[in-house]
Amino acid sequence: MSAIFNFQSLLTVILLLICTYAYIRSLASSLLDRNKTELFGIFWKCTRTGEQKSSYVAVCCIVMAFSILFIH
């Protein structure tokens, strides 16, 4: 089943995008900073979310990992 139609899979993909692009920005910030308004602006927004709401993202990652490992 596609991740779009399964809510838990969609949340997992979104969390992975946020965490991945926040990590990529810590390595090469100029790569994401120049694409703020175009199609790749979605990745810049994921980066900003990961940086500004990092404690909430971390809690969501822990809850999602627990859910995938022990409930599913």
PDB file of N, CA and C in Angstrom:
ATOM      1  N   MET A   1       0.833  -1.166   0.000  1.00  0.00           N
ATOM      2  CA  MET A   1       0.000   0.000   0.000  1.00  0.00           C
ATOM      3  C   MET A   1       0.888   1.243   0.000  1.00  0.00           C
ATOM      4  N   SER A   2       0.447   2.265  -0.650  1.00  0.00           N
ATOM      5  CA  SER A   2       1.205   3.500  -0.747  1.00  0.00           C
ATOM      6  C   SER A   2       1.222   4.238   0.594  1.00  0.00           C
ATOM      7  N   ALA A   3       2.271   4.990   0.835  1.00  0.00           N
ATOM      8  CA  ALA A   3       2.395   5.739   2.077  1.00  0.00           C
ATOM      9  C   ALA A   3       1.373   6.864   2.161  1.00  0.00           C
ATOM     10  N   ILE A   4       0.813   7.253   1.052  1.00  0.00           N
ATOM     11  CA  ILE A   4      -0.180   8.326   1.056  1.00  0.00           C
ATOM     12  C   ILE A   4      -1.486   7.857   1.681  1.00  0.00           C
ATOM     13  N   PHE A   5      -1.837   6.617   1.494  1.00  0.00           N
ATOM     14  CA  PHE A   5      -3.115   6.108   1.960  1.00  0.00           C
ATOM     15  C   PHE A   5      -3.057   5.502   3.356  1.00  0.00           C
ATOM     16  N   ASN A   6      -1.881   5.289   3.886  1.00  0.00           N
ATOM     17  CA  ASN A   6      -1.724   4.749   5.218  1.00  0.00           C
ATOM     18  C   ASN A   6      -1.185   5.872   6.111  1.00  0.00           C
ATOM     19  N   PHE A   7      -1.955   6.250   7.124  1.00  0.00           N
ATOM     20  CA  PHE A   7      -1.611   7.428   7.930  1.00  0.00           C
ATOM     21  C   PHE A   7      -0.297   7.251   8.671  1.00  0.00           C
ATOM     22  N   GLN A   8      -0.049   6.086   9.245  1.00  0.00           N
ATOM     23  CA  GLN A   8       1.189   5.862   9.972  1.00  0.00           C
ATOM     24  C   GLN A   8       2.397   5.919   9.038  1.00  0.00           C
ATOM     25  N   SER A   9       2.266   5.389   7.854  1.00  0.00           N
ATOM     26  CA  SER A   9       3.364   5.452   6.886  1.00  0.00           C
ATOM     27  C   SER A   9       3.606   6.881   6.423  1.00  0.00           C
ATOM     28  N   LEU A  10       2.549   7.635   6.251  1.00  0.00           N
ATOM     29  CA  LEU A  10       2.687   9.043   5.867  1.00  0.00           C
ATOM     30  C   LEU A  10       3.415   9.832   6.952  1.00  0.00           C
ATOM     31  N   LEU A  11       3.070   9.605   8.214  1.00  0.00           N
ATOM     32  CA  LEU A  11       3.765  10.282   9.305  1.00  0.00           C
ATOM     33  C   LEU A  11       5.231   9.874   9.372  1.00  0.00           C
ATOM     34  N   THR A  12       5.520   8.614   9.113  1.00  0.00           N
ATOM     35  CA  THR A  12       6.903   8.143   9.104  1.00  0.00           C
ATOM     36  C   THR A  12       7.701   8.827   8.004  1.00  0.00           C
ATOM     37  N   VAL A  13       7.135   8.937   6.830  1.00  0.00           N
ATOM     38  CA  VAL A  13       7.821   9.598   5.711  1.00  0.00           C
ATOM     39  C   VAL A  13       8.064  11.071   6.018  1.00  0.00           C
ATOM     40  N   ILE A  14       7.096  11.744   6.599  1.00  0.00           N
ATOM     41  CA  ILE A  14       7.259  13.160   6.932  1.00  0.00           C
ATOM     42  C   ILE A  14       8.348  13.339   7.983  1.00  0.00           C
ATOM     43  N   LEU A  15       8.358  12.494   9.013  1.00  0.00           N
ATOM     44  CA  LEU A  15       9.402  12.582  10.036  1.00  0.00           C
ATOM     45  C   LEU A  15      10.778  12.299   9.452  1.00  0.00           C
ATOM     46  N   LEU A  16      10.863  11.340   8.556  1.00  0.00           N
ATOM     47  CA  LEU A  16      12.139  11.044   7.923  1.00  0.00           C
ATOM     48  C   LEU A  16      12.618  12.209   7.056  1.00  0.00           C
ATOM     49  N   LEU A  17      11.701  12.859   6.347  1.00  0.00           N
ATOM     50  CA  LEU A  17      12.071  14.036   5.550  1.00  0.00           C
ATOM     51  C   LEU A  17      12.604  15.151   6.443  1.00  0.00           C
ATOM     52  N   ILE A  18      11.909  15.417   7.529  1.00  0.00           N
ATOM     53  CA  ILE A  18      12.323  16.492   8.430  1.00  0.00           C
ATOM     54  C   ILE A  18      13.704  16.200   9.006  1.00  0.00           C
ATOM     55  N   CYS A  19      13.898  14.993   9.501  1.00  0.00           N
ATOM     56  CA  CYS A  19      15.183  14.648  10.129  1.00  0.00           C
ATOM     57  C   CYS A  19      16.318  14.607   9.104  1.00  0.00           C
ATOM     58  N   THR A  20      16.049  14.072   7.941  1.00  0.00           N
ATOM     59  CA  THR A  20      17.089  13.965   6.915  1.00  0.00           C
ATOM     60  C   THR A  20      17.552  15.323   6.436  1.00  0.00           C
ATOM     61  N   TYR A  21      16.617  16.216   6.142  1.00  0.00           N
ATOM     62  CA  TYR A  21      17.022  17.508   5.613  1.00  0.00           C
ATOM     63  C   TYR A  21      17.596  18.422   6.685  1.00  0.00           C
ATOM     64  N   ALA A  22      17.210  18.251   7.942  1.00  0.00           N
ATOM     65  CA  ALA A  22      17.873  19.000   9.010  1.00  0.00           C
ATOM     66  C   ALA A  22      19.325  18.543   9.144  1.00  0.00           C
ATOM     67  N   TYR A  23      19.561  17.255   8.966  1.00  0.00           N
ATOM     68  CA  TYR A  23      20.932  16.736   9.016  1.00  0.00           C
ATOM     69  C   TYR A  23      21.744  17.205   7.814  1.00  0.00           C
ATOM     70  N   ILE A  24      21.136  17.190   6.637  1.00  0.00           N
ATOM     71  CA  ILE A  24      21.841  17.643   5.430  1.00  0.00           C
ATOM     72  C   ILE A  24      22.211  19.117   5.558  1.00  0.00           C
ATOM     73  N   ARG A  25      21.336  19.918   6.143  1.00  0.00           N
ATOM     74  CA  ARG A  25      21.641  21.343   6.302  1.00  0.00           C
ATOM     75  C   ARG A  25      22.785  21.547   7.284  1.00  0.00           C
ATOM     76  N   SER A  26      22.902  20.670   8.271  1.00  0.00           N
ATOM     77  CA  SER A  26      24.027  20.825   9.195  1.00  0.00           C
ATOM     78  C   SER A  26      25.358  20.522   8.505  1.00  0.00           C
ATOM     79  N   LEU A  27      25.326  19.714   7.459  1.00  0.00           N
ATOM     80  CA  LEU A  27      26.544  19.393   6.720  1.00  0.00           C
ATOM     81  C   LEU A  27      26.843  20.402   5.617  1.00  0.00           C
ATOM     82  N   ALA A  28      25.820  20.777   4.866  1.00  0.00           N
ATOM     83  CA  ALA A  28      25.997  21.697   3.733  1.00  0.00           C
ATOM     84  C   ALA A  28      24.824  22.668   3.697  1.00  0.00           C
ATOM     85  N   SER A  29      24.937  23.743   4.445  1.00  0.00           N
ATOM     86  CA  SER A  29      23.813  24.671   4.574  1.00  0.00           C
ATOM     87  C   SER A  29      23.520  25.443   3.288  1.00  0.00           C
ATOM     88  N   SER A  30      24.525  25.711   2.489  1.00  0.00           N
ATOM     89  CA  SER A  30      24.295  26.492   1.269  1.00  0.00           C
ATOM     90  C   SER A  30      23.470  25.718   0.245  1.00  0.00           C
ATOM     91  N   LEU A  31      23.465  24.414   0.353  1.00  0.00           N
ATOM     92  CA  LEU A  31      22.718  23.578  -0.589  1.00  0.00           C
ATOM     93  C   LEU A  31      21.212  23.815  -0.476  1.00  0.00           C
ATOM     94  N   LEU A  32      20.712  23.979   0.733  1.00  0.00           N
ATOM     95  CA  LEU A  32      19.279  24.160   0.930  1.00  0.00           C
ATOM     96  C   LEU A  32      18.859  25.623   1.045  1.00  0.00           C
ATOM     97  N   ASP A  33      19.772  26.495   1.424  1.00  0.00           N
ATOM     98  CA  ASP A  33      19.405  27.896   1.636  1.00  0.00           C
ATOM     99  C   ASP A  33      19.104  28.643   0.344  1.00  0.00           C
ATOM    100  N   ARG A  34      19.627  28.196  -0.759  1.00  0.00           N
ATOM    101  CA  ARG A  34      19.376  28.926  -2.010  1.00  0.00           C
ATOM    102  C   ARG A  34      18.056  28.524  -2.668  1.00  0.00           C
ATOM    103  N   ASN A  35      17.410  27.473  -2.217  1.00  0.00           N
ATOM    104  CA  ASN A  35      16.146  27.008  -2.812  1.00  0.00           C
ATOM    105  C   ASN A  35      15.005  27.161  -1.815  1.00  0.00           C
ATOM    106  N   LYS A  36      14.648  28.409  -1.500  1.00  0.00           N
ATOM    107  CA  LYS A  36      13.609  28.643  -0.501  1.00  0.00           C
ATOM    108  C   LYS A  36      12.216  28.773  -1.098  1.00  0.00           C
ATOM    109  N   THR A  37      12.097  29.164  -2.350  1.00  0.00           N
ATOM    110  CA  THR A  37      10.785  29.486  -2.896  1.00  0.00           C
ATOM    111  C   THR A  37      10.339  28.557  -4.010  1.00  0.00           C
ATOM    112  N   GLU A  38      11.219  27.809  -4.569  1.00  0.00           N
ATOM    113  CA  GLU A  38      10.853  26.976  -5.715  1.00  0.00           C
ATOM    114  C   GLU A  38      10.249  25.656  -5.223  1.00  0.00           C
ATOM    115  N   LEU A  39      10.259  24.668  -6.077  1.00  0.00           N
ATOM    116  CA  LEU A  39       9.743  23.355  -5.711  1.00  0.00           C
ATOM    117  C   LEU A  39      10.536  22.748  -4.561  1.00  0.00           C
ATOM    118  N   PHE A  40      11.824  23.016  -4.541  1.00  0.00           N
ATOM    119  CA  PHE A  40      12.666  22.495  -3.477  1.00  0.00           C
ATOM    120  C   PHE A  40      12.511  23.276  -2.174  1.00  0.00           C
ATOM    121  N   GLY A  41      11.651  24.259  -2.161  1.00  0.00           N
ATOM    122  CA  GLY A  41      11.349  24.995  -0.940  1.00  0.00           C
ATOM    123  C   GLY A  41      10.693  24.125   0.112  1.00  0.00           C
ATOM    124  N   ILE A  42      10.070  23.044  -0.314  1.00  0.00           N
ATOM    125  CA  ILE A  42       9.476  22.087   0.622  1.00  0.00           C
ATOM    126  C   ILE A  42      10.557  21.491   1.505  1.00  0.00           C
ATOM    127  N   PHE A  43      11.712  21.199   0.931  1.00  0.00           N
ATOM    128  CA  PHE A  43      12.803  20.633   1.704  1.00  0.00           C
ATOM    129  C   PHE A  43      13.377  21.664   2.664  1.00  0.00           C
ATOM    130  N   TRP A  44      13.411  22.933   2.252  1.00  0.00           N
ATOM    131  CA  TRP A  44      13.871  23.994   3.143  1.00  0.00           C
ATOM    132  C   TRP A  44      12.917  24.147   4.322  1.00  0.00           C
ATOM    133  N   LYS A  45      11.618  24.015   4.062  1.00  0.00           N
ATOM    134  CA  LYS A  45      10.635  24.092   5.141  1.00  0.00           C
ATOM    135  C   LYS A  45      10.767  22.912   6.097  1.00  0.00           C
ATOM    136  N   CYS A  46      11.069  21.745   5.574  1.00  0.00           N
ATOM    137  CA  CYS A  46      11.325  20.589   6.432  1.00  0.00           C
ATOM    138  C   CYS A  46      12.549  20.839   7.306  1.00  0.00           C
ATOM    139  N   THR A  47      13.558  21.471   6.739  1.00  0.00           N
ATOM    140  CA  THR A  47      14.767  21.796   7.496  1.00  0.00           C
ATOM    141  C   THR A  47      14.460  22.765   8.624  1.00  0.00           C
ATOM    142  N   ARG A  48      13.718  23.812   8.334  1.00  0.00           N
ATOM    143  CA  ARG A  48      13.380  24.803   9.363  1.00  0.00           C
ATOM    144  C   ARG A  48      12.529  24.185  10.459  1.00  0.00           C
ATOM    145  N   THR A  49      11.618  23.307  10.091  1.00  0.00           N
ATOM    146  CA  THR A  49      10.801  22.626  11.089  1.00  0.00           C
ATOM    147  C   THR A  49      11.667  21.756  11.986  1.00  0.00           C
ATOM    148  N   GLY A  50      12.611  21.053  11.405  1.00  0.00           N
ATOM    149  CA  GLY A  50      13.501  20.205  12.178  1.00  0.00           C
ATOM    150  C   GLY A  50      14.401  20.987  13.104  1.00  0.00           C
ATOM    151  N   GLU A  51      14.772  22.193  12.698  1.00  0.00           N
ATOM    152  CA  GLU A  51      15.642  23.021  13.545  1.00  0.00           C
ATOM    153  C   GLU A  51      14.868  23.716  14.652  1.00  0.00           C
ATOM    154  N   GLN A  52      13.734  24.279  14.336  1.00  0.00           N
ATOM    155  CA  GLN A  52      13.002  25.081  15.310  1.00  0.00           C
ATOM    156  C   GLN A  52      12.180  24.236  16.276  1.00  0.00           C
ATOM    157  N   LYS A  53      11.668  23.141  15.828  1.00  0.00           N
ATOM    158  CA  LYS A  53      10.833  22.282  16.669  1.00  0.00           C
ATOM    159  C   LYS A  53      11.534  20.960  16.952  1.00  0.00           C
ATOM    160  N   SER A  54      12.823  21.010  17.197  1.00  0.00           N
ATOM    161  CA  SER A  54      13.606  19.783  17.295  1.00  0.00           C
ATOM    162  C   SER A  54      13.180  18.902  18.465  1.00  0.00           C
ATOM    163  N   SER A  55      12.757  19.488  19.570  1.00  0.00           N
ATOM    164  CA  SER A  55      12.335  18.649  20.699  1.00  0.00           C
ATOM    165  C   SER A  55      11.038  17.910  20.380  1.00  0.00           C
ATOM    166  N   TYR A  56      10.115  18.563  19.697  1.00  0.00           N
ATOM    167  CA  TYR A  56       8.866  17.905  19.311  1.00  0.00           C
ATOM    168  C   TYR A  56       9.109  16.824  18.255  1.00  0.00           C
ATOM    169  N   VAL A  57       9.989  17.114  17.327  1.00  0.00           N
ATOM    170  CA  VAL A  57      10.331  16.141  16.289  1.00  0.00           C
ATOM    171  C   VAL A  57      10.998  14.925  16.918  1.00  0.00           C
ATOM    172  N   ALA A  58      11.873  15.151  17.884  1.00  0.00           N
ATOM    173  CA  ALA A  58      12.550  14.039  18.557  1.00  0.00           C
ATOM    174  C   ALA A  58      11.557  13.165  19.309  1.00  0.00           C
ATOM    175  N   VAL A  59      10.615  13.778  19.992  1.00  0.00           N
ATOM    176  CA  VAL A  59       9.596  13.004  20.708  1.00  0.00           C
ATOM    177  C   VAL A  59       8.743  12.221  19.722  1.00  0.00           C
ATOM    178  N   CYS A  60       8.377  12.845  18.617  1.00  0.00           N
ATOM    179  CA  CYS A  60       7.580  12.137  17.603  1.00  0.00           C
ATOM    180  C   CYS A  60       8.355  10.971  17.006  1.00  0.00           C
ATOM    181  N   CYS A  61       9.663  11.139  16.798  1.00  0.00           N
ATOM    182  CA  CYS A  61      10.486  10.045  16.275  1.00  0.00           C
ATOM    183  C   CYS A  61      10.544   8.884  17.260  1.00  0.00           C
ATOM    184  N   ILE A  62      10.685   9.189  18.542  1.00  0.00           N
ATOM    185  CA  ILE A  62      10.720   8.135  19.555  1.00  0.00           C
ATOM    186  C   ILE A  62       9.394   7.409  19.634  1.00  0.00           C
ATOM    187  N   VAL A  63       8.300   8.141  19.623  1.00  0.00           N
ATOM    188  CA  VAL A  63       6.969   7.517  19.667  1.00  0.00           C
ATOM    189  C   VAL A  63       6.731   6.673  18.424  1.00  0.00           C
ATOM    190  N   MET A  64       7.132   7.177  17.264  1.00  0.00           N
ATOM    191  CA  MET A  64       6.945   6.423  16.022  1.00  0.00           C
ATOM    192  C   MET A  64       7.801   5.163  16.018  1.00  0.00           C
ATOM    193  N   ALA A  65       9.032   5.259  16.503  1.00  0.00           N
ATOM    194  CA  ALA A  65       9.886   4.073  16.570  1.00  0.00           C
ATOM    195  C   ALA A  65       9.304   3.038  17.513  1.00  0.00           C
ATOM    196  N   PHE A  66       8.827   3.473  18.663  1.00  0.00           N
ATOM    197  CA  PHE A  66       8.192   2.546  19.613  1.00  0.00           C
ATOM    198  C   PHE A  66       6.972   1.888  18.980  1.00  0.00           C
ATOM    199  N   SER A  67       6.180   2.680  18.281  1.00  0.00           N
ATOM    200  CA  SER A  67       4.977   2.165  17.642  1.00  0.00           C
ATOM    201  C   SER A  67       5.319   1.127  16.566  1.00  0.00           C
ATOM    202  N   ILE A  68       6.313   1.423  15.764  1.00  0.00           N
ATOM    203  CA  ILE A  68       6.694   0.493  14.682  1.00  0.00           C
ATOM    204  C   ILE A  68       7.301  -0.780  15.247  1.00  0.00           C
ATOM    205  N   LEU A  69       8.141  -0.654  16.273  1.00  0.00           N
ATOM    206  CA  LEU A  69       8.835  -1.827  16.797  1.00  0.00           C
ATOM    207  C   LEU A  69       7.943  -2.727  17.647  1.00  0.00           C
ATOM    208  N   PHE A  70       7.097  -2.147  18.485  1.00  0.00           N
ATOM    209  CA  PHE A  70       6.400  -2.956  19.468  1.00  0.00           C
ATOM    210  C   PHE A  70       4.899  -3.113  19.241  1.00  0.00           C
ATOM    211  N   ILE A  71       4.275  -2.216  18.532  1.00  0.00           N
ATOM    212  CA  ILE A  71       2.830  -2.299  18.338  1.00  0.00           C
ATOM    213  C   ILE A  71       2.478  -2.958  17.011  1.00  0.00           C
ATOM    214  N   HIS A  72       3.229  -2.666  16.010  1.00  0.00           N
ATOM    215  CA  HIS A  72       2.939  -3.236  14.685  1.00  0.00           C
ATOM    216  C   HIS A  72       3.307  -4.641  14.581  1.00  0.00           C
TER     217      HIS A  72
END
